[in-house]
């Protein structure tokens, strides 16, 4: 485990050391989440799953539904079913050779 000492500014800001930014591929505009676990502060890069959670919560709020673990999980289950259907359909089309290649698509569209 590596430790770094940083100083918090009067605005509550601090600089992540370059080694940390490089290791986690963080740059200007990258989002991180802060997790408070007892007496520990944990910084984690936000993932696609985190962004999906935000979208789910926003959709539930728009629909006027209660936002809790149960409703979020139910929404995630619907998304998983839809993705499973899409993958199954794509596999079926692939196995039946009902697709075109990228080079064919480029030819159809004049190498756009």
PDB file of N, CA and C in Angstrom:
ATOM      1  N   UNK A   1       0.850  -1.173   0.000  1.00  0.00           N
ATOM      2  CA  UNK A   1       0.000   0.000   0.000  1.00  0.00           C
ATOM      3  C   UNK A   1       0.897   1.237   0.000  1.00  0.00           C
ATOM      4  N   UNK A   2       0.541   2.211  -0.830  1.00  0.00           N
ATOM      5  CA  UNK A   2       1.292   3.457  -0.915  1.00  0.00           C
ATOM      6  C   UNK A   2       0.476   4.567  -0.281  1.00  0.00           C
ATOM      7  N   UNK A   3       1.130   5.426   0.471  1.00  0.00           N
ATOM      8  CA  UNK A   3       0.452   6.551   1.100  1.00  0.00           C
ATOM      9  C   UNK A   3       0.995   7.856   0.544  1.00  0.00           C
ATOM     10  N   UNK A   4       0.124   8.851   0.459  1.00  0.00           N
ATOM     11  CA  UNK A   4       0.503  10.181  -0.002  1.00  0.00           C
ATOM     12  C   UNK A   4      -0.042  11.196   0.992  1.00  0.00           C
ATOM     13  N   UNK A   5       0.728  12.215   1.289  1.00  0.00           N
ATOM     14  CA  UNK A   5       0.244  13.320   2.103  1.00  0.00           C
ATOM     15  C   UNK A   5      -0.158  14.441   1.171  1.00  0.00           C
ATOM     16  N   UNK A   6      -1.381  14.928   1.311  1.00  0.00           N
ATOM     17  CA  UNK A   6      -1.861  16.049   0.508  1.00  0.00           C
ATOM     18  C   UNK A   6      -2.430  17.094   1.465  1.00  0.00           C
ATOM     19  N   UNK A   7      -2.524  18.317   0.988  1.00  0.00           N
ATOM     20  CA  UNK A   7      -3.048  19.412   1.799  1.00  0.00           C
ATOM     21  C   UNK A   7      -4.369  19.880   1.211  1.00  0.00           C
ATOM     22  N   UNK A   8      -5.346  20.066   2.067  1.00  0.00           N
ATOM     23  CA  UNK A   8      -6.653  20.542   1.625  1.00  0.00           C
ATOM     24  C   UNK A   8      -6.637  22.070   1.643  1.00  0.00           C
ATOM     25  N   UNK A   9      -7.094  22.662   0.528  1.00  0.00           N
ATOM     26  CA  UNK A   9      -7.111  24.120   0.407  1.00  0.00           C
ATOM     27  C   UNK A   9      -8.286  24.712   1.186  1.00  0.00           C
ATOM     28  N   UNK A  10      -8.338  26.042   1.231  1.00  0.00           N
ATOM     29  CA  UNK A  10      -9.438  26.725   1.921  1.00  0.00           C
ATOM     30  C   UNK A  10     -10.779  26.433   1.249  1.00  0.00           C
ATOM     31  N   UNK A  11     -10.748  26.004  -0.024  1.00  0.00           N
ATOM     32  CA  UNK A  11     -11.975  25.642  -0.749  1.00  0.00           C
ATOM     33  C   UNK A  11     -12.314  24.161  -0.599  1.00  0.00           C
ATOM     34  N   UNK A  12     -11.547  23.421   0.194  1.00  0.00           N
ATOM     35  CA  UNK A  12     -11.805  22.000   0.382  1.00  0.00           C
ATOM     36  C   UNK A  12     -11.239  21.139  -0.733  1.00  0.00           C
ATOM     37  N   UNK A  13     -10.343  21.693  -1.550  1.00  0.00           N
ATOM     38  CA  UNK A  13      -9.788  20.955  -2.681  1.00  0.00           C
ATOM     39  C   UNK A  13      -8.401  20.408  -2.331  1.00  0.00           C
ATOM     40  N   UNK A  14      -8.026  19.330  -3.018  1.00  0.00           N
ATOM     41  CA  UNK A  14      -6.667  18.812  -2.928  1.00  0.00           C
ATOM     42  C   UNK A  14      -6.293  18.219  -4.273  1.00  0.00           C
ATOM     43  N   UNK A  15      -5.010  18.025  -4.475  1.00  0.00           N
ATOM     44  CA  UNK A  15      -4.505  17.493  -5.737  1.00  0.00           C
ATOM     45  C   UNK A  15      -4.162  16.025  -5.557  1.00  0.00           C
ATOM     46  N   UNK A  16      -4.718  15.198  -6.437  1.00  0.00           N
ATOM     47  CA  UNK A  16      -4.325  13.788  -6.444  1.00  0.00           C
ATOM     48  C   UNK A  16      -2.920  13.703  -7.033  1.00  0.00           C
ATOM     49  N   UNK A  17      -2.015  12.998  -6.395  1.00  0.00           N
ATOM     50  CA  UNK A  17      -0.667  12.878  -6.948  1.00  0.00           C
ATOM     51  C   UNK A  17      -0.690  12.285  -8.359  1.00  0.00           C
ATOM     52  N   UNK A  18       0.252  12.720  -9.178  1.00  0.00           N
ATOM     53  CA  UNK A  18       0.319  12.292 -10.571  1.00  0.00           C
ATOM     54  C   UNK A  18       0.350  10.774 -10.697  1.00  0.00           C
ATOM     55  N   UNK A  19       1.092  10.102  -9.811  1.00  0.00           N
ATOM     56  CA  UNK A  19       1.182   8.644  -9.874  1.00  0.00           C
ATOM     57  C   UNK A  19      -0.200   8.001  -9.729  1.00  0.00           C
ATOM     58  N   UNK A  20      -1.041   8.568  -8.870  1.00  0.00           N
ATOM     59  CA  UNK A  20      -2.395   8.039  -8.657  1.00  0.00           C
ATOM     60  C   UNK A  20      -3.247   8.313  -9.894  1.00  0.00           C
ATOM     61  N   UNK A  21      -3.178   9.547 -10.409  1.00  0.00           N
ATOM     62  CA  UNK A  21      -3.947   9.884 -11.614  1.00  0.00           C
ATOM     63  C   UNK A  21      -3.560   8.976 -12.767  1.00  0.00           C
ATOM     64  N   UNK A  22      -2.268   8.754 -12.940  1.00  0.00           N
ATOM     65  CA  UNK A  22      -1.801   7.892 -14.033  1.00  0.00           C
ATOM     66  C   UNK A  22      -2.270   6.444 -13.844  1.00  0.00           C
ATOM     67  N   UNK A  23      -2.134   5.928 -12.631  1.00  0.00           N
ATOM     68  CA  UNK A  23      -2.503   4.534 -12.371  1.00  0.00           C
ATOM     69  C   UNK A  23      -3.974   4.269 -12.678  1.00  0.00           C
ATOM     70  N   UNK A  24      -4.844   5.232 -12.335  1.00  0.00           N
ATOM     71  CA  UNK A  24      -6.279   5.035 -12.514  1.00  0.00           C
ATOM     72  C   UNK A  24      -6.827   5.757 -13.747  1.00  0.00           C
ATOM     73  N   UNK A  25      -5.898   6.228 -14.592  1.00  0.00           N
ATOM     74  CA  UNK A  25      -6.265   6.899 -15.857  1.00  0.00           C
ATOM     75  C   UNK A  25      -7.260   8.040 -15.612  1.00  0.00           C
ATOM     76  N   UNK A  26      -6.946   8.893 -14.633  1.00  0.00           N
ATOM     77  CA  UNK A  26      -7.777  10.043 -14.301  1.00  0.00           C
ATOM     78  C   UNK A  26      -7.176  11.292 -14.918  1.00  0.00           C
ATOM     79  N   UNK A  27      -8.031  12.113 -15.496  1.00  0.00           N
ATOM     80  CA  UNK A  27      -7.569  13.375 -16.070  1.00  0.00           C
ATOM     81  C   UNK A  27      -8.608  14.443 -15.761  1.00  0.00           C
ATOM     82  N   UNK A  28      -8.360  15.657 -16.216  1.00  0.00           N
ATOM     83  CA  UNK A  28      -9.304  16.743 -15.966  1.00  0.00           C
ATOM     84  C   UNK A  28     -10.694  16.318 -16.426  1.00  0.00           C
ATOM     85  N   UNK A  29     -11.674  16.491 -15.568  1.00  0.00           N
ATOM     86  CA  UNK A  29     -13.046  16.121 -15.903  1.00  0.00           C
ATOM     87  C   UNK A  29     -13.429  14.712 -15.486  1.00  0.00           C
ATOM     88  N   UNK A  30     -12.447  13.881 -15.108  1.00  0.00           N
ATOM     89  CA  UNK A  30     -12.770  12.533 -14.629  1.00  0.00           C
ATOM     90  C   UNK A  30     -13.599  12.643 -13.363  1.00  0.00           C
ATOM     91  N   UNK A  31     -14.507  11.700 -13.183  1.00  0.00           N
ATOM     92  CA  UNK A  31     -15.343  11.700 -11.997  1.00  0.00           C
ATOM     93  C   UNK A  31     -14.885  10.602 -11.056  1.00  0.00           C
ATOM     94  N   UNK A  32     -14.902  10.925  -9.772  1.00  0.00           N
ATOM     95  CA  UNK A  32     -14.606   9.929  -8.747  1.00  0.00           C
ATOM     96  C   UNK A  32     -15.742   9.950  -7.743  1.00  0.00           C
ATOM     97  N   UNK A  33     -15.856   8.876  -6.997  1.00  0.00           N
ATOM     98  CA  UNK A  33     -16.842   8.869  -5.921  1.00  0.00           C
ATOM     99  C   UNK A  33     -16.083   8.767  -4.607  1.00  0.00           C
ATOM    100  N   UNK A  34     -16.681   9.341  -3.583  1.00  0.00           N
ATOM    101  CA  UNK A  34     -16.094   9.324  -2.249  1.00  0.00           C
ATOM    102  C   UNK A  34     -16.971   8.432  -1.383  1.00  0.00           C
ATOM    103  N   UNK A  35     -16.349   7.434  -0.771  1.00  0.00           N
ATOM    104  CA  UNK A  35     -17.056   6.517   0.106  1.00  0.00           C
ATOM    105  C   UNK A  35     -16.520   6.724   1.517  1.00  0.00           C
ATOM    106  N   UNK A  36     -17.430   6.962   2.463  1.00  0.00           N
ATOM    107  CA  UNK A  36     -17.034   7.093   3.862  1.00  0.00           C
ATOM    108  C   UNK A  36     -17.370   5.772   4.539  1.00  0.00           C
ATOM    109  N   UNK A  37     -16.335   5.103   5.047  1.00  0.00           N
ATOM    110  CA  UNK A  37     -16.490   3.807   5.700  1.00  0.00           C
ATOM    111  C   UNK A  37     -15.913   3.930   7.105  1.00  0.00           C
ATOM    112  N   UNK A  38     -16.799   4.190   8.062  1.00  0.00           N
ATOM    113  CA  UNK A  38     -16.327   4.402   9.430  1.00  0.00           C
ATOM    114  C   UNK A  38     -15.437   5.626   9.486  1.00  0.00           C
ATOM    115  N   UNK A  39     -14.193   5.434   9.834  1.00  0.00           N
ATOM    116  CA  UNK A  39     -13.230   6.532   9.937  1.00  0.00           C
ATOM    117  C   UNK A  39     -12.358   6.663   8.683  1.00  0.00           C
ATOM    118  N   UNK A  40     -12.697   5.920   7.633  1.00  0.00           N
ATOM    119  CA  UNK A  40     -11.912   5.956   6.394  1.00  0.00           C
ATOM    120  C   UNK A  40     -12.638   6.727   5.314  1.00  0.00           C
ATOM    121  N   UNK A  41     -11.869   7.439   4.510  1.00  0.00           N
ATOM    122  CA  UNK A  41     -12.382   8.094   3.305  1.00  0.00           C
ATOM    123  C   UNK A  41     -11.754   7.352   2.136  1.00  0.00           C
ATOM    124  N   UNK A  42     -12.600   6.814   1.254  1.00  0.00           N
ATOM    125  CA  UNK A  42     -12.108   6.033   0.123  1.00  0.00           C
ATOM    126  C   UNK A  42     -12.511   6.745  -1.164  1.00  0.00           C
ATOM    127  N   UNK A  43     -11.545   6.965  -2.045  1.00  0.00           N
ATOM    128  CA  UNK A  43     -11.808   7.561  -3.354  1.00  0.00           C
ATOM    129  C   UNK A  43     -11.791   6.445  -4.383  1.00  0.00           C
ATOM    130  N   UNK A  44     -12.815   6.414  -5.244  1.00  0.00           N
ATOM    131  CA  UNK A  44     -12.893   5.392  -6.284  1.00  0.00           C
ATOM    132  C   UNK A  44     -13.257   6.047  -7.606  1.00  0.00           C
ATOM    133  N   UNK A  45     -12.619   5.603  -8.697  1.00  0.00           N
ATOM    134  CA  UNK A  45     -13.047   6.105 -10.016  1.00  0.00           C
ATOM    135  C   UNK A  45     -14.489   5.670 -10.267  1.00  0.00           C
ATOM    136  N   UNK A  46     -15.294   6.564 -10.840  1.00  0.00           N
ATOM    137  CA  UNK A  46     -16.663   6.189 -11.211  1.00  0.00           C
ATOM    138  C   UNK A  46     -16.612   5.279 -12.424  1.00  0.00           C
ATOM    139  N   UNK A  47     -17.508   4.315 -12.432  1.00  0.00           N
ATOM    140  CA  UNK A  47     -17.544   3.332 -13.506  1.00  0.00           C
ATOM    141  C   UNK A  47     -18.794   3.528 -14.358  1.00  0.00           C
ATOM    142  N   UNK A  48     -18.876   2.776 -15.432  1.00  0.00           N
ATOM    143  CA  UNK A  48     -20.075   2.783 -16.264  1.00  0.00           C
ATOM    144  C   UNK A  48     -21.272   2.336 -15.428  1.00  0.00           C
ATOM    145  N   UNK A  49     -21.060   1.386 -14.527  1.00  0.00           N
ATOM    146  CA  UNK A  49     -22.142   0.915 -13.658  1.00  0.00           C
ATOM    147  C   UNK A  49     -22.654   2.052 -12.768  1.00  0.00           C
ATOM    148  N   UNK A  50     -21.754   2.907 -12.289  1.00  0.00           N
ATOM    149  CA  UNK A  50     -22.169   4.060 -11.483  1.00  0.00           C
ATOM    150  C   UNK A  50     -23.034   5.011 -12.313  1.00  0.00           C
ATOM    151  N   UNK A  51     -22.620   5.250 -13.545  1.00  0.00           N
ATOM    152  CA  UNK A  51     -23.386   6.133 -14.425  1.00  0.00           C
ATOM    153  C   UNK A  51     -24.761   5.542 -14.714  1.00  0.00           C
ATOM    154  N   UNK A  52     -24.811   4.219 -14.912  1.00  0.00           N
ATOM    155  CA  UNK A  52     -26.083   3.542 -15.156  1.00  0.00           C
ATOM    156  C   UNK A  52     -27.001   3.681 -13.945  1.00  0.00           C
ATOM    157  N   UNK A  53     -26.441   3.546 -12.752  1.00  0.00           N
ATOM    158  CA  UNK A  53     -27.232   3.727 -11.525  1.00  0.00           C
ATOM    159  C   UNK A  53     -27.857   5.121 -11.492  1.00  0.00           C
ATOM    160  N   UNK A  54     -27.087   6.140 -11.870  1.00  0.00           N
ATOM    161  CA  UNK A  54     -27.606   7.511 -11.899  1.00  0.00           C
ATOM    162  C   UNK A  54     -28.762   7.637 -12.884  1.00  0.00           C
ATOM    163  N   UNK A  55     -28.615   7.024 -14.056  1.00  0.00           N
ATOM    164  CA  UNK A  55     -29.678   7.079 -15.065  1.00  0.00           C
ATOM    165  C   UNK A  55     -30.940   6.361 -14.574  1.00  0.00           C
ATOM    166  N   UNK A  56     -30.755   5.235 -13.916  1.00  0.00           N
ATOM    167  CA  UNK A  56     -31.890   4.483 -13.387  1.00  0.00           C
ATOM    168  C   UNK A  56     -32.628   5.326 -12.356  1.00  0.00           C
ATOM    169  N   UNK A  57     -31.881   5.915 -11.439  1.00  0.00           N
ATOM    170  CA  UNK A  57     -32.512   6.753 -10.404  1.00  0.00           C
ATOM    171  C   UNK A  57     -33.250   7.933 -11.030  1.00  0.00           C
ATOM    172  N   UNK A  58     -32.656   8.541 -12.062  1.00  0.00           N
ATOM    173  CA  UNK A  58     -33.302   9.669 -12.739  1.00  0.00           C
ATOM    174  C   UNK A  58     -34.597   9.222 -13.408  1.00  0.00           C
ATOM    175  N   UNK A  59     -34.579   8.053 -14.062  1.00  0.00           N
ATOM    176  CA  UNK A  59     -35.791   7.534 -14.708  1.00  0.00           C
ATOM    177  C   UNK A  59     -36.876   7.243 -13.677  1.00  0.00           C
ATOM    178  N   UNK A  60     -36.496   6.628 -12.571  1.00  0.00           N
ATOM    179  CA  UNK A  60     -37.475   6.333 -11.529  1.00  0.00           C
ATOM    180  C   UNK A  60     -38.083   7.625 -10.975  1.00  0.00           C
ATOM    181  N   UNK A  61     -37.240   8.623 -10.788  1.00  0.00           N
ATOM    182  CA  UNK A  61     -37.735   9.907 -10.279  1.00  0.00           C
ATOM    183  C   UNK A  61     -38.705  10.546 -11.267  1.00  0.00           C
ATOM    184  N   UNK A  62     -38.370  10.485 -12.580  1.00  0.00           N
ATOM    185  CA  UNK A  62     -39.253  11.046 -13.611  1.00  0.00           C
ATOM    186  C   UNK A  62     -40.612  10.344 -13.605  1.00  0.00           C
ATOM    187  N   UNK A  63     -40.588   9.040 -13.336  1.00  0.00           N
ATOM    188  CA  UNK A  63     -41.826   8.261 -13.308  1.00  0.00           C
ATOM    189  C   UNK A  63     -42.574   8.427 -11.987  1.00  0.00           C
ATOM    190  N   UNK A  64     -41.975   9.183 -11.063  1.00  0.00           N
ATOM    191  CA  UNK A  64     -42.613   9.411  -9.766  1.00  0.00           C
ATOM    192  C   UNK A  64     -42.574   8.200  -8.852  1.00  0.00           C
ATOM    193  N   UNK A  65     -41.655   7.277  -9.128  1.00  0.00           N
ATOM    194  CA  UNK A  65     -41.568   6.061  -8.316  1.00  0.00           C
ATOM    195  C   UNK A  65     -40.596   6.279  -7.153  1.00  0.00           C
ATOM    196  N   UNK A  66     -40.815   5.518  -6.108  1.00  0.00           N
ATOM    197  CA  UNK A  66     -39.946   5.549  -4.945  1.00  0.00           C
ATOM    198  C   UNK A  66     -38.564   5.038  -5.352  1.00  0.00           C
ATOM    199  N   UNK A  67     -37.536   5.738  -4.930  1.00  0.00           N
ATOM    200  CA  UNK A  67     -36.176   5.316  -5.266  1.00  0.00           C
ATOM    201  C   UNK A  67     -35.579   4.646  -4.039  1.00  0.00           C
ATOM    202  N   UNK A  68     -35.499   3.332  -4.110  1.00  0.00           N
ATOM    203  CA  UNK A  68     -34.862   2.563  -3.045  1.00  0.00           C
ATOM    204  C   UNK A  68     -34.181   1.352  -3.677  1.00  0.00           C
ATOM    205  N   UNK A  69     -33.546   0.571  -2.855  1.00  0.00           N
ATOM    206  CA  UNK A  69     -32.789  -0.579  -3.372  1.00  0.00           C
ATOM    207  C   UNK A  69     -33.682  -1.531  -4.172  1.00  0.00           C
ATOM    208  N   UNK A  70     -34.902  -1.748  -3.696  1.00  0.00           N
ATOM    209  CA  UNK A  70     -35.824  -2.678  -4.355  1.00  0.00           C
ATOM    210  C   UNK A  70     -36.225  -2.190  -5.751  1.00  0.00           C
ATOM    211  N   UNK A  71     -36.601  -0.911  -5.864  1.00  0.00           N
ATOM    212  CA  UNK A  71     -37.042  -0.401  -7.168  1.00  0.00           C
ATOM    213  C   UNK A  71     -35.867  -0.312  -8.148  1.00  0.00           C
ATOM    214  N   UNK A  72     -34.683   0.025  -7.631  1.00  0.00           N
ATOM    215  CA  UNK A  72     -33.503   0.091  -8.502  1.00  0.00           C
ATOM    216  C   UNK A  72     -33.170  -1.305  -9.025  1.00  0.00           C
ATOM    217  N   UNK A  73     -33.215  -2.306  -8.147  1.00  0.00           N
ATOM    218  CA  UNK A  73     -32.921  -3.688  -8.576  1.00  0.00           C
ATOM    219  C   UNK A  73     -33.946  -4.188  -9.585  1.00  0.00           C
ATOM    220  N   UNK A  74     -35.218  -3.840  -9.392  1.00  0.00           N
ATOM    221  CA  UNK A  74     -36.257  -4.257 -10.338  1.00  0.00           C
ATOM    222  C   UNK A  74     -36.002  -3.619 -11.705  1.00  0.00           C
ATOM    223  N   UNK A  75     -35.612  -2.361 -11.715  1.00  0.00           N
ATOM    224  CA  UNK A  75     -35.310  -1.658 -12.967  1.00  0.00           C
ATOM    225  C   UNK A  75     -34.100  -2.307 -13.639  1.00  0.00           C
ATOM    226  N   UNK A  76     -33.077  -2.623 -12.839  1.00  0.00           N
ATOM    227  CA  UNK A  76     -31.887  -3.283 -13.377  1.00  0.00           C
ATOM    228  C   UNK A  76     -32.251  -4.635 -13.989  1.00  0.00           C
ATOM    229  N   UNK A  77     -33.169  -5.354 -13.366  1.00  0.00           N
ATOM    230  CA  UNK A  77     -33.597  -6.657 -13.892  1.00  0.00           C
ATOM    231  C   UNK A  77     -34.250  -6.487 -15.262  1.00  0.00           C
ATOM    232  N   UNK A  78     -35.054  -5.425 -15.420  1.00  0.00           N
ATOM    233  CA  UNK A  78     -35.683  -5.166 -16.725  1.00  0.00           C
ATOM    234  C   UNK A  78     -34.620  -4.862 -17.778  1.00  0.00           C
ATOM    235  N   UNK A  79     -33.634  -4.082 -17.402  1.00  0.00           N
ATOM    236  CA  UNK A  79     -32.544  -3.760 -18.333  1.00  0.00           C
ATOM    237  C   UNK A  79     -31.788  -5.035 -18.706  1.00  0.00           C
ATOM    238  N   UNK A  80     -31.501  -5.874 -17.719  1.00  0.00           N
ATOM    239  CA  UNK A  80     -30.783  -7.131 -17.970  1.00  0.00           C
ATOM    240  C   UNK A  80     -31.561  -8.021 -18.931  1.00  0.00           C
ATOM    241  N   UNK A  81     -32.891  -8.101 -18.751  1.00  0.00           N
ATOM    242  CA  UNK A  81     -33.722  -8.905 -19.652  1.00  0.00           C
ATOM    243  C   UNK A  81     -33.654  -8.364 -21.078  1.00  0.00           C
ATOM    244  N   UNK A  82     -33.729  -7.042 -21.198  1.00  0.00           N
ATOM    245  CA  UNK A  82     -33.673  -6.431 -22.531  1.00  0.00           C
ATOM    246  C   UNK A  82     -32.319  -6.708 -23.189  1.00  0.00           C
ATOM    247  N   UNK A  83     -31.241  -6.580 -22.419  1.00  0.00           N
ATOM    248  CA  UNK A  83     -29.909  -6.849 -22.970  1.00  0.00           C
ATOM    249  C   UNK A  83     -29.756  -8.316 -23.351  1.00  0.00           C
ATOM    250  N   UNK A  84     -30.277  -9.213 -22.514  1.00  0.00           N
ATOM    251  CA  UNK A  84     -30.221 -10.644 -22.831  1.00  0.00           C
ATOM    252  C   UNK A  84     -30.955 -10.935 -24.139  1.00  0.00           C
ATOM    253  N   UNK A  85     -32.102 -10.293 -24.332  1.00  0.00           N
ATOM    254  CA  UNK A  85     -32.870 -10.462 -25.575  1.00  0.00           C
ATOM    255  C   UNK A  85     -32.079  -9.965 -26.779  1.00  0.00           C
ATOM    256  N   UNK A  86     -31.461  -8.809 -26.616  1.00  0.00           N
ATOM    257  CA  UNK A  86     -30.678  -8.240 -27.717  1.00  0.00           C
ATOM    258  C   UNK A  86     -29.507  -9.153 -28.079  1.00  0.00           C
ATOM    259  N   UNK A  87     -28.833  -9.667 -27.061  1.00  0.00           N
ATOM    260  CA  UNK A  87     -27.687 -10.558 -27.309  1.00  0.00           C
ATOM    261  C   UNK A  87     -28.164 -11.839 -27.991  1.00  0.00           C
ATOM    262  N   UNK A  88     -29.275 -12.410 -27.506  1.00  0.00           N
ATOM    263  CA  UNK A  88     -29.804 -13.645 -28.112  1.00  0.00           C
ATOM    264  C   UNK A  88     -30.172 -13.407 -29.572  1.00  0.00           C
ATOM    265  N   UNK A  89     -30.790 -12.269 -29.864  1.00  0.00           N
ATOM    266  CA  UNK A  89     -31.166 -11.946 -31.242  1.00  0.00           C
ATOM    267  C   UNK A  89     -29.919 -11.770 -32.116  1.00  0.00           C
ATOM    268  N   UNK A  90     -28.924 -11.086 -31.567  1.00  0.00           N
ATOM    269  CA  UNK A  90     -27.687 -10.879 -32.323  1.00  0.00           C
ATOM    270  C   UNK A  90     -26.984 -12.213 -32.590  1.00  0.00           C
ATOM    271  N   UNK A  91     -26.959 -13.096 -31.597  1.00  0.00           N
ATOM    272  CA  UNK A  91     -26.339 -14.417 -31.784  1.00  0.00           C
ATOM    273  C   UNK A  91     -27.085 -15.220 -32.849  1.00  0.00           C
ATOM    274  N   UNK A  92     -28.400 -15.138 -32.822  1.00  0.00           N
ATOM    275  CA  UNK A  92     -29.217 -15.855 -33.804  1.00  0.00           C
ATOM    276  C   UNK A  92     -28.898 -15.348 -35.213  1.00  0.00           C
ATOM    277  N   UNK A  93     -28.857 -14.029 -35.374  1.00  0.00           N
ATOM    278  CA  UNK A  93     -28.546 -13.447 -36.685  1.00  0.00           C
ATOM    279  C   UNK A  93     -27.119 -13.812 -37.116  1.00  0.00           C
ATOM    280  N   UNK A  94     -26.192 -13.791 -36.176  1.00  0.00           N
ATOM    281  CA  UNK A  94     -24.807 -14.135 -36.495  1.00  0.00           C
ATOM    282  C   UNK A  94     -24.714 -15.592 -36.941  1.00  0.00           C
ATOM    283  N   UNK A  95     -25.331 -16.478 -36.198  1.00  0.00           N
ATOM    284  CA  UNK A  95     -25.291 -17.905 -36.535  1.00  0.00           C
ATOM    285  C   UNK A  95     -25.963 -18.192 -37.873  1.00  0.00           C
ATOM    286  N   UNK A  96     -26.976 -17.409 -38.216  1.00  0.00           N
ATOM    287  CA  UNK A  96     -27.669 -17.581 -39.496  1.00  0.00           C
ATOM    288  C   UNK A  96     -26.982 -16.778 -40.607  1.00  0.00           C
ATOM    289  N   UNK A  97     -25.847 -16.149 -40.251  1.00  0.00           N
ATOM    290  CA  UNK A  97     -25.080 -15.317 -41.184  1.00  0.00           C
ATOM    291  C   UNK A  97     -25.942 -14.201 -41.786  1.00  0.00           C
ATOM    292  N   UNK A  98     -26.822 -13.649 -40.951  1.00  0.00           N
ATOM    293  CA  UNK A  98     -27.683 -12.549 -41.379  1.00  0.00           C
ATOM    294  C   UNK A  98     -27.075 -11.215 -40.933  1.00  0.00           C
ATOM    295  N   UNK A  99     -25.912 -10.938 -41.427  1.00  0.00           N
ATOM    296  CA  UNK A  99     -25.218  -9.709 -41.070  1.00  0.00           C
ATOM    297  C   UNK A  99     -24.345  -9.290 -42.228  1.00  0.00           C
ATOM    298  N   UNK A 100     -23.849  -8.060 -42.158  1.00  0.00           N
ATOM    299  CA  UNK A 100     -22.866  -7.625 -43.149  1.00  0.00           C
ATOM    300  C   UNK A 100     -21.605  -7.222 -42.396  1.00  0.00           C
ATOM    301  N   UNK A 101     -20.496  -7.335 -43.081  1.00  0.00           N
ATOM    302  CA  UNK A 101     -19.223  -6.998 -42.461  1.00  0.00           C
ATOM    303  C   UNK A 101     -19.015  -5.487 -42.500  1.00  0.00           C
ATOM    304  N   UNK A 102     -18.057  -5.023 -41.721  1.00  0.00           N
ATOM    305  CA  UNK A 102     -17.740  -3.599 -41.703  1.00  0.00           C
ATOM    306  C   UNK A 102     -17.280  -3.133 -43.080  1.00  0.00           C
ATOM    307  N   UNK A 103     -16.492  -3.936 -43.769  1.00  0.00           N
ATOM    308  CA  UNK A 103     -16.028  -3.543 -45.102  1.00  0.00           C
ATOM    309  C   UNK A 103     -17.196  -3.454 -46.078  1.00  0.00           C
ATOM    310  N   UNK A 104     -18.175  -4.367 -45.955  1.00  0.00           N
ATOM    311  CA  UNK A 104     -19.364  -4.293 -46.810  1.00  0.00           C
ATOM    312  C   UNK A 104     -20.164  -3.026 -46.504  1.00  0.00           C
ATOM    313  N   UNK A 105     -20.286  -2.714 -45.236  1.00  0.00           N
ATOM    314  CA  UNK A 105     -21.020  -1.515 -44.832  1.00  0.00           C
ATOM    315  C   UNK A 105     -20.331  -0.265 -45.369  1.00  0.00           C
ATOM    316  N   UNK A 106     -19.003  -0.244 -45.316  1.00  0.00           N
ATOM    317  CA  UNK A 106     -18.253   0.902 -45.865  1.00  0.00           C
ATOM    318  C   UNK A 106     -18.477   1.017 -47.373  1.00  0.00           C
ATOM    319  N   UNK A 107     -18.466  -0.124 -48.051  1.00  0.00           N
ATOM    320  CA  UNK A 107     -18.696  -0.103 -49.507  1.00  0.00           C
ATOM    321  C   UNK A 107     -20.080   0.449 -49.834  1.00  0.00           C
ATOM    322  N   UNK A 108     -21.090   0.012 -49.071  1.00  0.00           N
ATOM    323  CA  UNK A 108     -22.452   0.500 -49.287  1.00  0.00           C
ATOM    324  C   UNK A 108     -22.576   1.994 -49.069  1.00  0.00           C
ATOM    325  N   UNK A 109     -21.760   2.518 -48.175  1.00  0.00           N
ATOM    326  CA  UNK A 109     -21.842   3.930 -47.821  1.00  0.00           C
ATOM    327  C   UNK A 109     -20.711   4.756 -48.404  1.00  0.00           C
ATOM    328  N   UNK A 110     -20.032   4.227 -49.394  1.00  0.00           N
ATOM    329  CA  UNK A 110     -18.969   4.968 -50.067  1.00  0.00           C
ATOM    330  C   UNK A 110     -17.782   5.284 -49.170  1.00  0.00           C
ATOM    331  N   UNK A 111     -17.374   4.348 -48.325  1.00  0.00           N
ATOM    332  CA  UNK A 111     -16.234   4.512 -47.420  1.00  0.00           C
ATOM    333  C   UNK A 111     -16.338   5.750 -46.549  1.00  0.00           C
ATOM    334  N   UNK A 112     -17.533   6.066 -46.125  1.00  0.00           N
ATOM    335  CA  UNK A 112     -17.751   7.240 -45.256  1.00  0.00           C
ATOM    336  C   UNK A 112     -17.260   6.958 -43.877  1.00  0.00           C
TER     337      UNK A 112
END
